[in-house]
Amino acid sequence: MQSIYRFREAEVSLFLRAKHHGIGSVSLEPIELSTNRRSQEGLVEWFNAAFPRVLPAQEDQTAGAVPYLPATPFEPKLAGTAVTWHCGYDREEEAKKVVAIVREASGSKAILVRNRAHLDEIVPALKEAGVRFRALDIEQLGEKQVVQDLYALTRALLHLGDRIAWLACLRAPWCGLTLADLLLLSSGRSEEGGSEYTGGGALIFDKMRDVTHLSADGQKRVDRARSVLAPLVKNRLRGSLRERVEGAWLALGGPACVESETDLEDAEIFLDELERLEEAGEVDLAALEDKIDRRLYAQPDVKAAKDAVEIMTIHRAKGLEFDTVIVPGLDRLPRSGPKPLLVWKSLLPSGLLLAPIDETGAGEDPTYKYVRELDKEADDIEAGRLFYVAATRARQRLHLLACAKADEDLRPKEPSKRSLLAKIWWQAREHFGEAPADAIAEPERMPIHDVLHRLPAGLPLPKAPASVKWTAPDEGRQEEEIEFSWAGETARHVGTIVHRWLQRIADDELRTWDATRIDALRSRFAKELERRGIPPRDLKASTEQVSVALKNAISDERGRWVLGPHPEARSEHRIRVASAAGANTYIVDRIFRTAEDVRWIVDYKTSRHEGADREGFLDREQGRYRAQLEAYAHALASGDAMLGLYFPVLAAWRQWRQ
């Protein structure tokens, strides 16, 4: 009960009520686990001394307050200091200290922060020091420069009139026009006669035909960009959108503009998502933007070693453990959101308390204010539990870092009550020394460096790779030949539908998926099967098979593990492999890493088995598909991967090491 709950909108009060009053007529027996099997004795002693003052002293069902339960250590005490404070007055010095701790620490190590924005000084300091790290679910995909450039290119190719997108393409590193040339191009003359595409002459693409008024360097850059983009604009109704965007990016020299191989991985994720959302050569840009800005994250550094420091939010670290844990920015504040239009609180057993936002110009509604105060109290209690989760991820050493503002006496000012530092200020303030004299001065404004990173103007277009013999995608998907060569059309279509919905469930990380939802989708399964030509006599049985497979997958422990959230997880991952015989396309059903840094490659098989000797059948299936999965691992350059076959219809599993 000392864990975090509110980020998943769970009400601690419901757990407390069930603990004391049971669920309906069923009484419950509380079991309190008091042995800490993760942290060494020195850490547990610090936890037992600190957290009774961090967490509430008494239980409160309304506020969701749970007192600290002292723990008994299982691991022996290690020599040296278990918990170390690093307190100061300068944010950059704090970042340098983090770098020093990372370099000195041995074993697994992690930097845990409350919000992603709290890494603004730390990540640049690590990069400057040459320290490689793995940032898990930290940077949104849309924040990566390579993805922003690809998104602008996508918008430009979709709509010639998207002025901002076209200017962004010309400013991107593959073209790199200066602001002066961009201004001249966007406001200067255009070719007489207007556009052959839209009938108007104000399009940026039209203005790219006559660039004699630009600088000599700008003329070269625009001419080169136009030589690539003009054929794509002319043939914009041919081929898939992904092919056009990826082809333009490659021809413009986009891969030469990235900082690291990880950026290429991020570009591939964007292009895969673009292909997934595309319909008839068009894409819902709002859905694409939502994906890259809110739901998809940039990949961790592909060059980082297995023992590299991991960076993540405290929420992301829940359930994990590390030899050394570093928690910087304890003084920083959480994000503040706007006032909600509607607030409510379930006050058991009395019922629901609900209030709308205050009317403009009217006085403050007392009910709204009361519910907001209850929420603030619950958030404050949750902050204490958040600090507990961060600290207890450590197995051997815990480093706590904080900055403070100095008062006129050069002593630290008391932190905001909304910060984690306020929870343990009674201990932290002893570790602040006297502030330097310049600590109370106004901070200097950071200079803005106007540096334009771009390719050389005379860079030749990249040469096309040597031709390979083209084969149709179905010929390259060897798994379909293996899996369905012995089965009829019905089995093949059932397998396709099951694969598609397992991808959807995995993308949703199992959230909101249960048997009831699958039952509600049966009519949709039937329509999809019917569209694929399933005869009426087989439609009911085929729909049932899809439903059973999906229900098994979300209820079976192994299925939930495969479909659940994992680092670097991908579903229906496409791999193109060139060989002397031609180009093959593989589609791998599921790829992910575990918290133990084990790479898994999993394939779904919708095989059925009605007779006896179920285990023998599964062994034969493993032998049938062994070469296929090992080919996937070879194509992915995964030298020491674990391979798995999951049979959702049978709720069965087979695994082996490559």
Foldseek 3Di string as FASTA:
>chain_A
DLAFDPVVPDQLLVVVCCQVPNDVPDHDDDDDAAEQAFAEPLLLVVCQVAQQLLFDVDADSQLSGDGDDRHDYDHYADPDHFEAEDEAADLLVLLVVVLVCQVPDDFAEAEAEAALVSCVNNVVSCVVVVAAEFEFQRAFLCVDLLLVLLLLLLVCLVDQQPQVSVLSNCCRQLQNDDPVLSVCLQPHDFDPQADPVPRHTNGSLRSLVDSPVGDPLNVLSSVQLNVLCVVCSVPVQDDASLCSSVSSCQQSPVVVQDDAVLSVVSVQVLSVVSVVQDDSRDGDSVVSCCCRVPQHGRGTHPPHDPRGYYYYYLVVCQPAAIQEYEYAALLDADDDDDQDQKAWGADPPVGIQIDGADDVPDDGDPSSVVRVVSVVSSLLNSLSSSVVSRSSRHHGHYYYYHHAQADPQQAGDQGDSRGSCNSRVVPNSVVYDRHDPCRNPDDDDDDDDPDRNHDRSPDHGDDDDDDFDADDQVVQAVVCCLQPVPPDPLQSQLVVVLLVVLQVCLSVQVPPDALVVLVVCLVVQLVSSVVSPDDPVCSVVSSVLSSQLVNLLSPQPVSSVQSHDARPKDAQDWFWDQDNNGIHIYTFGIWHAHPSRATEGEHEHQDDDDDPPPVVVVVVVCVSCVVVQVVVCVRVVPPWHKYKYAHSSVRDIDIDTD
